[in-house]
Amino acid sequence: MRGFLSVDTALMHLAVAVNVPKQIVIEAPTLNKTNEPYRRPYLRVQNPAVSGRNLDYYRYDGRGIQGTTGELFVAWNR
């Protein structure tokens, strides 16, 4: 394999582990310095939905879990 296209997932890291020479990584909310392809140059495709706000979706806001018991139950069982 000469190249690999993905978002920041375990498959991206697997491609690094098997020495795929070129990677194209589509920016996702979780892509940040701590989980970029390890010691491997890659091309980052900007995602307008994320727009450089990586991890903003995952920051703890200090409030409790939001949603009613019913909403949480439905989300949990999807």
PDB file of N, CA and C in Angstrom:
ATOM      1  N   MET A   1       0.840  -1.160   0.000  1.00  0.00           N
ATOM      2  CA  MET A   1       0.000   0.000   0.000  1.00  0.00           C
ATOM      3  C   MET A   1       0.896   1.237   0.000  1.00  0.00           C
ATOM      4  N   ARG A   2       0.583   2.175  -0.884  1.00  0.00           N
ATOM      5  CA  ARG A   2       1.388   3.394  -0.970  1.00  0.00           C
ATOM      6  C   ARG A   2       0.807   4.550  -0.170  1.00  0.00           C
ATOM      7  N   GLY A   3      -0.496   4.511   0.087  1.00  0.00           N
ATOM      8  CA  GLY A   3      -1.127   5.603   0.799  1.00  0.00           C
ATOM      9  C   GLY A   3      -2.380   5.137   1.517  1.00  0.00           C
ATOM     10  N   PHE A   4      -2.826   5.982   2.456  1.00  0.00           N
ATOM     11  CA  PHE A   4      -3.997   5.636   3.253  1.00  0.00           C
ATOM     12  C   PHE A   4      -4.763   6.908   3.572  1.00  0.00           C
ATOM     13  N   LEU A   5      -6.083   6.881   3.336  1.00  0.00           N
ATOM     14  CA  LEU A   5      -6.963   8.008   3.613  1.00  0.00           C
ATOM     15  C   LEU A   5      -7.893   7.621   4.746  1.00  0.00           C
ATOM     16  N   SER A   6      -7.946   8.458   5.788  1.00  0.00           N
ATOM     17  CA  SER A   6      -8.817   8.142   6.922  1.00  0.00           C
ATOM     18  C   SER A   6      -9.066   9.381   7.759  1.00  0.00           C
ATOM     19  N   VAL A   7      -9.890   9.211   8.775  1.00  0.00           N
ATOM     20  CA  VAL A   7      -9.984  10.205   9.842  1.00  0.00           C
ATOM     21  C   VAL A   7      -9.103   9.671  10.962  1.00  0.00           C
ATOM     22  N   ASP A   8      -9.042  10.372  12.084  1.00  0.00           N
ATOM     23  CA  ASP A   8      -8.140   9.945  13.166  1.00  0.00           C
ATOM     24  C   ASP A   8      -8.760   8.782  13.948  1.00  0.00           C
ATOM     25  N   THR A   9      -8.466   7.586  13.475  1.00  0.00           N
ATOM     26  CA  THR A   9      -8.992   6.365  14.088  1.00  0.00           C
ATOM     27  C   THR A   9      -7.853   5.386  14.335  1.00  0.00           C
ATOM     28  N   ALA A  10      -8.202   4.256  14.884  1.00  0.00           N
ATOM     29  CA  ALA A  10      -7.213   3.199  15.099  1.00  0.00           C
ATOM     30  C   ALA A  10      -6.608   2.757  13.770  1.00  0.00           C
ATOM     31  N   LEU A  11      -7.386   2.800  12.693  1.00  0.00           N
ATOM     32  CA  LEU A  11      -6.851   2.399  11.391  1.00  0.00           C
ATOM     33  C   LEU A  11      -5.741   3.335  10.923  1.00  0.00           C
ATOM     34  N   MET A  12      -5.836   4.606  11.259  1.00  0.00           N
ATOM     35  CA  MET A  12      -4.764   5.550  10.942  1.00  0.00           C
ATOM     36  C   MET A  12      -3.481   5.114  11.638  1.00  0.00           C
ATOM     37  N   HIS A  13      -3.588   4.719  12.903  1.00  0.00           N
ATOM     38  CA  HIS A  13      -2.412   4.290  13.653  1.00  0.00           C
ATOM     39  C   HIS A  13      -1.894   2.944  13.154  1.00  0.00           C
ATOM     40  N   LEU A  14      -2.773   2.087  12.707  1.00  0.00           N
ATOM     41  CA  LEU A  14      -2.361   0.808  12.127  1.00  0.00           C
ATOM     42  C   LEU A  14      -1.562   1.039  10.845  1.00  0.00           C
ATOM     43  N   ALA A  15      -1.987   1.997  10.048  1.00  0.00           N
ATOM     44  CA  ALA A  15      -1.248   2.334   8.821  1.00  0.00           C
ATOM     45  C   ALA A  15       0.166   2.801   9.157  1.00  0.00           C
ATOM     46  N   VAL A  16       0.328   3.567  10.228  1.00  0.00           N
ATOM     47  CA  VAL A  16       1.666   3.983  10.674  1.00  0.00           C
ATOM     48  C   VAL A  16       2.469   2.758  11.105  1.00  0.00           C
ATOM     49  N   ALA A  17       1.827   1.867  11.842  1.00  0.00           N
ATOM     50  CA  ALA A  17       2.526   0.691  12.376  1.00  0.00           C
ATOM     51  C   ALA A  17       3.063  -0.217  11.275  1.00  0.00           C
ATOM     52  N   VAL A  18       2.369  -0.259  10.137  1.00  0.00           N
ATOM     53  CA  VAL A  18       2.828  -1.122   9.036  1.00  0.00           C
ATOM     54  C   VAL A  18       3.583  -0.324   7.975  1.00  0.00           C
ATOM     55  N   ASN A  19       3.990   0.903   8.338  1.00  0.00           N
ATOM     56  CA  ASN A  19       4.850   1.751   7.512  1.00  0.00           C
ATOM     57  C   ASN A  19       4.264   2.137   6.159  1.00  0.00           C
ATOM     58  N   VAL A  20       2.982   2.475   6.126  1.00  0.00           N
ATOM     59  CA  VAL A  20       2.408   3.046   4.906  1.00  0.00           C
ATOM     60  C   VAL A  20       3.084   4.396   4.697  1.00  0.00           C
ATOM     61  N   PRO A  21       3.694   4.631   3.529  1.00  0.00           N
ATOM     62  CA  PRO A  21       4.528   5.825   3.367  1.00  0.00           C
ATOM     63  C   PRO A  21       3.785   7.162   3.367  1.00  0.00           C
ATOM     64  N   LYS A  22       2.563   7.208   2.880  1.00  0.00           N
ATOM     65  CA  LYS A  22       1.838   8.474   2.811  1.00  0.00           C
ATOM     66  C   LYS A  22       0.448   8.308   3.415  1.00  0.00           C
ATOM     67  N   GLN A  23       0.073   9.281   4.257  1.00  0.00           N
ATOM     68  CA  GLN A  23      -1.264   9.272   4.838  1.00  0.00           C
ATOM     69  C   GLN A  23      -1.940  10.605   4.610  1.00  0.00           C
ATOM     70  N   ILE A  24      -3.236  10.527   4.333  1.00  0.00           N
ATOM     71  CA  ILE A  24      -4.085  11.704   4.249  1.00  0.00           C
ATOM     72  C   ILE A  24      -5.106  11.543   5.361  1.00  0.00           C
ATOM     73  N   VAL A  25      -5.137  12.504   6.291  1.00  0.00           N
ATOM     74  CA  VAL A  25      -6.020  12.425   7.452  1.00  0.00           C
ATOM     75  C   VAL A  25      -7.037  13.558   7.367  1.00  0.00           C
ATOM     76  N   ILE A  26      -8.313  13.190   7.363  1.00  0.00           N
ATOM     77  CA  ILE A  26      -9.381  14.178   7.351  1.00  0.00           C
ATOM     78  C   ILE A  26      -9.607  14.643   8.785  1.00  0.00           C
ATOM     79  N   GLU A  27      -9.583  15.948   8.985  1.00  0.00           N
ATOM     80  CA  GLU A  27      -9.724  16.511  10.327  1.00  0.00           C
ATOM     81  C   GLU A  27     -11.064  16.108  10.943  1.00  0.00           C
ATOM     82  N   ALA A  28     -11.009  15.597  12.152  1.00  0.00           N
ATOM     83  CA  ALA A  28     -12.192  15.245  12.932  1.00  0.00           C
ATOM     84  C   ALA A  28     -12.099  15.982  14.265  1.00  0.00           C
ATOM     85  N   PRO A  29     -13.194  16.062  15.024  1.00  0.00           N
ATOM     86  CA  PRO A  29     -13.134  16.793  16.296  1.00  0.00           C
ATOM     87  C   PRO A  29     -12.067  16.278  17.254  1.00  0.00           C
ATOM     88  N   THR A  30     -11.697  15.013  17.157  1.00  0.00           N
ATOM     89  CA  THR A  30     -10.726  14.452  18.098  1.00  0.00           C
ATOM     90  C   THR A  30      -9.275  14.567  17.640  1.00  0.00           C
ATOM     91  N   LEU A  31      -9.032  15.020  16.419  1.00  0.00           N
ATOM     92  CA  LEU A  31      -7.650  15.109  15.931  1.00  0.00           C
ATOM     93  C   LEU A  31      -6.928  16.244  16.652  1.00  0.00           C
ATOM     94  N   ASN A  32      -5.863  15.895  17.346  1.00  0.00           N
ATOM     95  CA  ASN A  32      -5.053  16.887  18.048  1.00  0.00           C
ATOM     96  C   ASN A  32      -3.629  16.358  18.137  1.00  0.00           C
ATOM     97  N   LYS A  33      -2.742  17.142  18.692  1.00  0.00           N
ATOM     98  CA  LYS A  33      -1.319  16.792  18.734  1.00  0.00           C
ATOM     99  C   LYS A  33      -1.049  15.437  19.390  1.00  0.00           C
ATOM    100  N   THR A  34      -1.856  15.056  20.367  1.00  0.00           N
ATOM    101  CA  THR A  34      -1.592  13.806  21.086  1.00  0.00           C
ATOM    102  C   THR A  34      -1.958  12.550  20.313  1.00  0.00           C
ATOM    103  N   ASN A  35      -2.747  12.662  19.243  1.00  0.00           N
ATOM    104  CA  ASN A  35      -3.087  11.443  18.504  1.00  0.00           C
ATOM    105  C   ASN A  35      -2.856  11.560  17.005  1.00  0.00           C
ATOM    106  N   GLU A  36      -1.933  12.415  16.598  1.00  0.00           N
ATOM    107  CA  GLU A  36      -1.534  12.473  15.193  1.00  0.00           C
ATOM    108  C   GLU A  36      -0.732  11.218  14.850  1.00  0.00           C
ATOM    109  N   PRO A  37      -0.584  10.907  13.550  1.00  0.00           N
ATOM    110  CA  PRO A  37       0.240   9.753  13.188  1.00  0.00           C
ATOM    111  C   PRO A  37       1.642   9.875  13.790  1.00  0.00           C
ATOM    112  N   TYR A  38       2.059   8.871  14.514  1.00  0.00           N
ATOM    113  CA  TYR A  38       3.304   8.903  15.284  1.00  0.00           C
ATOM    114  C   TYR A  38       4.532   8.899  14.386  1.00  0.00           C
ATOM    115  N   ARG A  39       5.295   9.984  14.478  1.00  0.00           N
ATOM    116  CA  ARG A  39       6.563  10.129  13.743  1.00  0.00           C
ATOM    117  C   ARG A  39       6.432   9.853  12.255  1.00  0.00           C
ATOM    118  N   ARG A  40       5.321  10.277  11.698  1.00  0.00           N
ATOM    119  CA  ARG A  40       5.088  10.046  10.271  1.00  0.00           C
ATOM    120  C   ARG A  40       4.457  11.315   9.693  1.00  0.00           C
ATOM    121  N   PRO A  41       5.066  11.878   8.633  1.00  0.00           N
ATOM    122  CA  PRO A  41       4.432  13.047   8.024  1.00  0.00           C
ATOM    123  C   PRO A  41       3.092  12.647   7.398  1.00  0.00           C
ATOM    124  N   TYR A  42       2.155  13.560   7.406  1.00  0.00           N
ATOM    125  CA  TYR A  42       0.847  13.279   6.825  1.00  0.00           C
ATOM    126  C   TYR A  42       0.246  14.570   6.287  1.00  0.00           C
ATOM    127  N   LEU A  43      -0.702  14.432   5.395  1.00  0.00           N
ATOM    128  CA  LEU A  43      -1.426  15.568   4.855  1.00  0.00           C
ATOM    129  C   LEU A  43      -2.748  15.671   5.602  1.00  0.00           C
ATOM    130  N   ARG A  44      -3.006  16.818   6.183  1.00  0.00           N
ATOM    131  CA  ARG A  44      -4.241  17.041   6.948  1.00  0.00           C
ATOM    132  C   ARG A  44      -5.241  17.772   6.058  1.00  0.00           C
ATOM    133  N   VAL A  45      -6.419  17.177   5.868  1.00  0.00           N
ATOM    134  CA  VAL A  45      -7.483  17.794   5.090  1.00  0.00           C
ATOM    135  C   VAL A  45      -8.396  18.534   6.068  1.00  0.00           C
ATOM    136  N   GLN A  46      -8.506  19.834   5.904  1.00  0.00           N
ATOM    137  CA  GLN A  46      -9.330  20.642   6.793  1.00  0.00           C
ATOM    138  C   GLN A  46     -10.809  20.283   6.632  1.00  0.00           C
ATOM    139  N   ASN A  47     -11.501  20.175   7.734  1.00  0.00           N
ATOM    140  CA  ASN A  47     -12.924  19.874   7.756  1.00  0.00           C
ATOM    141  C   ASN A  47     -13.661  21.139   8.197  1.00  0.00           C
ATOM    142  N   PRO A  48     -14.474  21.737   7.317  1.00  0.00           N
ATOM    143  CA  PRO A  48     -15.142  22.986   7.690  1.00  0.00           C
ATOM    144  C   PRO A  48     -16.097  22.834   8.878  1.00  0.00           C
ATOM    145  N   ALA A  49     -16.601  21.642   9.125  1.00  0.00           N
ATOM    146  CA  ALA A  49     -17.494  21.423  10.270  1.00  0.00           C
ATOM    147  C   ALA A  49     -16.729  21.537  11.585  1.00  0.00           C
ATOM    148  N   VAL A  50     -15.465  21.146  11.577  1.00  0.00           N
ATOM    149  CA  VAL A  50     -14.637  21.240  12.782  1.00  0.00           C
ATOM    150  C   VAL A  50     -14.024  22.632  12.878  1.00  0.00           C
ATOM    151  N   SER A  51     -13.543  23.122  11.757  1.00  0.00           N
ATOM    152  CA  SER A  51     -13.035  24.484  11.644  1.00  0.00           C
ATOM    153  C   SER A  51     -12.007  24.849  12.708  1.00  0.00           C
ATOM    154  N   GLY A  52     -11.079  23.920  12.990  1.00  0.00           N
ATOM    155  CA  GLY A  52     -10.006  24.193  13.942  1.00  0.00           C
ATOM    156  C   GLY A  52     -10.416  24.141  15.406  1.00  0.00           C
ATOM    157  N   ARG A  53     -11.644  23.755  15.707  1.00  0.00           N
ATOM    158  CA  ARG A  53     -12.121  23.712  17.096  1.00  0.00           C
ATOM    159  C   ARG A  53     -11.996  22.300  17.660  1.00  0.00           C
ATOM    160  N   ASN A  54     -10.922  21.636  17.377  1.00  0.00           N
ATOM    161  CA  ASN A  54     -10.712  20.266  17.838  1.00  0.00           C
ATOM    162  C   ASN A  54     -10.834  20.189  19.346  1.00  0.00           C
ATOM    163  N   LEU A  55     -11.472  19.163  19.802  1.00  0.00           N
ATOM    164  CA  LEU A  55     -11.717  18.854  21.208  1.00  0.00           C
ATOM    165  C   LEU A  55     -12.696  19.793  21.902  1.00  0.00           C
ATOM    166  N   ASP A  56     -13.152  20.870  21.256  1.00  0.00           N
ATOM    167  CA  ASP A  56     -14.165  21.726  21.888  1.00  0.00           C
ATOM    168  C   ASP A  56     -15.437  20.935  22.172  1.00  0.00           C
ATOM    169  N   TYR A  57     -15.705  19.945  21.358  1.00  0.00           N
ATOM    170  CA  TYR A  57     -16.897  19.128  21.527  1.00  0.00           C
ATOM    171  C   TYR A  57     -16.808  18.251  22.783  1.00  0.00           C
ATOM    172  N   TYR A  58     -15.613  18.044  23.298  1.00  0.00           N
ATOM    173  CA  TYR A  58     -15.393  17.100  24.381  1.00  0.00           C
ATOM    174  C   TYR A  58     -15.009  17.744  25.706  1.00  0.00           C
ATOM    175  N   ARG A  59     -14.956  19.037  25.750  1.00  0.00           N
ATOM    176  CA  ARG A  59     -14.546  19.715  26.984  1.00  0.00           C
ATOM    177  C   ARG A  59     -15.648  19.630  28.037  1.00  0.00           C
ATOM    178  N   TYR A  60     -15.253  19.381  29.261  1.00  0.00           N
ATOM    179  CA  TYR A  60     -16.197  19.324  30.375  1.00  0.00           C
ATOM    180  C   TYR A  60     -16.603  20.746  30.745  1.00  0.00           C
ATOM    181  N   ASP A  61     -17.881  21.009  30.785  1.00  0.00           N
ATOM    182  CA  ASP A  61     -18.371  22.355  31.050  1.00  0.00           C
ATOM    183  C   ASP A  61     -18.708  22.603  32.526  1.00  0.00           C
ATOM    184  N   GLY A  62     -18.460  21.634  33.396  1.00  0.00           N
ATOM    185  CA  GLY A  62     -18.700  21.806  34.812  1.00  0.00           C
ATOM    186  C   GLY A  62     -20.124  21.492  35.243  1.00  0.00           C
ATOM    187  N   ARG A  63     -20.984  21.238  34.282  1.00  0.00           N
ATOM    188  CA  ARG A  63     -22.376  20.925  34.601  1.00  0.00           C
ATOM    189  C   ARG A  63     -22.552  19.408  34.658  1.00  0.00           C
ATOM    190  N   GLY A  64     -23.655  18.997  35.225  1.00  0.00           N
ATOM    191  CA  GLY A  64     -23.975  17.574  35.275  1.00  0.00           C
ATOM    192  C   GLY A  64     -24.375  17.040  33.912  1.00  0.00           C
ATOM    193  N   ILE A  65     -24.673  15.754  33.857  1.00  0.00           N
ATOM    194  CA  ILE A  65     -25.107  15.137  32.609  1.00  0.00           C
ATOM    195  C   ILE A  65     -26.422  15.772  32.180  1.00  0.00           C
ATOM    196  N   GLN A  66     -26.499  16.183  30.932  1.00  0.00           N
ATOM    197  CA  GLN A  66     -27.679  16.857  30.412  1.00  0.00           C
ATOM    198  C   GLN A  66     -28.641  15.836  29.803  1.00  0.00           C
ATOM    199  N   GLY A  67     -29.920  16.115  29.880  1.00  0.00           N
ATOM    200  CA  GLY A  67     -30.930  15.254  29.283  1.00  0.00           C
ATOM    201  C   GLY A  67     -31.758  14.568  30.350  1.00  0.00           C
ATOM    202  N   THR A  68     -32.971  14.250  29.962  1.00  0.00           N
ATOM    203  CA  THR A  68     -33.855  13.541  30.887  1.00  0.00           C
ATOM    204  C   THR A  68     -33.444  12.079  30.960  1.00  0.00           C
ATOM    205  N   THR A  69     -33.944  11.374  31.938  1.00  0.00           N
ATOM    206  CA  THR A  69     -33.657   9.942  32.065  1.00  0.00           C
ATOM    207  C   THR A  69     -34.086   9.203  30.809  1.00  0.00           C
ATOM    208  N   GLY A  70     -35.232   9.557  30.265  1.00  0.00           N
ATOM    209  CA  GLY A  70     -35.727   8.925  29.035  1.00  0.00           C
ATOM    210  C   GLY A  70     -34.814   9.161  27.848  1.00  0.00           C
ATOM    211  N   GLU A  71     -34.354  10.405  27.679  1.00  0.00           N
ATOM    212  CA  GLU A  71     -33.447  10.729  26.573  1.00  0.00           C
ATOM    213  C   GLU A  71     -32.126   9.970  26.709  1.00  0.00           C
ATOM    214  N   LEU A  72     -31.604   9.918  27.912  1.00  0.00           N
ATOM    215  CA  LEU A  72     -30.344   9.212  28.137  1.00  0.00           C
ATOM    216  C   LEU A  72     -30.509   7.709  27.892  1.00  0.00           C
ATOM    217  N   PHE A  73     -31.646   7.155  28.312  1.00  0.00           N
ATOM    218  CA  PHE A  73     -31.902   5.731  28.107  1.00  0.00           C
ATOM    219  C   PHE A  73     -31.971   5.397  26.618  1.00  0.00           C
ATOM    220  N   VAL A  74     -32.661   6.225  25.850  1.00  0.00           N
ATOM    221  CA  VAL A  74     -32.758   6.013  24.402  1.00  0.00           C
ATOM    222  C   VAL A  74     -31.398   6.113  23.755  1.00  0.00           C
ATOM    223  N   ALA A  75     -30.602   7.133  24.116  1.00  0.00           N
ATOM    224  CA  ALA A  75     -29.256   7.305  23.537  1.00  0.00           C
ATOM    225  C   ALA A  75     -28.356   6.138  23.896  1.00  0.00           C
ATOM    226  N   TRP A  76     -28.446   5.648  25.112  1.00  0.00           N
ATOM    227  CA  TRP A  76     -27.612   4.540  25.555  1.00  0.00           C
ATOM    228  C   TRP A  76     -27.926   3.249  24.802  1.00  0.00           C
ATOM    229  N   ASN A  77     -29.179   3.045  24.445  1.00  0.00           N
ATOM    230  CA  ASN A  77     -29.603   1.798  23.809  1.00  0.00           C
ATOM    231  C   ASN A  77     -29.634   1.835  22.301  1.00  0.00           C
ATOM    232  N   ARG A  78     -29.019   2.805  21.689  1.00  0.00           N
ATOM    233  CA  ARG A  78     -28.965   2.865  20.207  1.00  0.00           C
ATOM    234  C   ARG A  78     -27.974   1.899  19.673  1.00  0.00           C
TER     235      ARG A  78
END
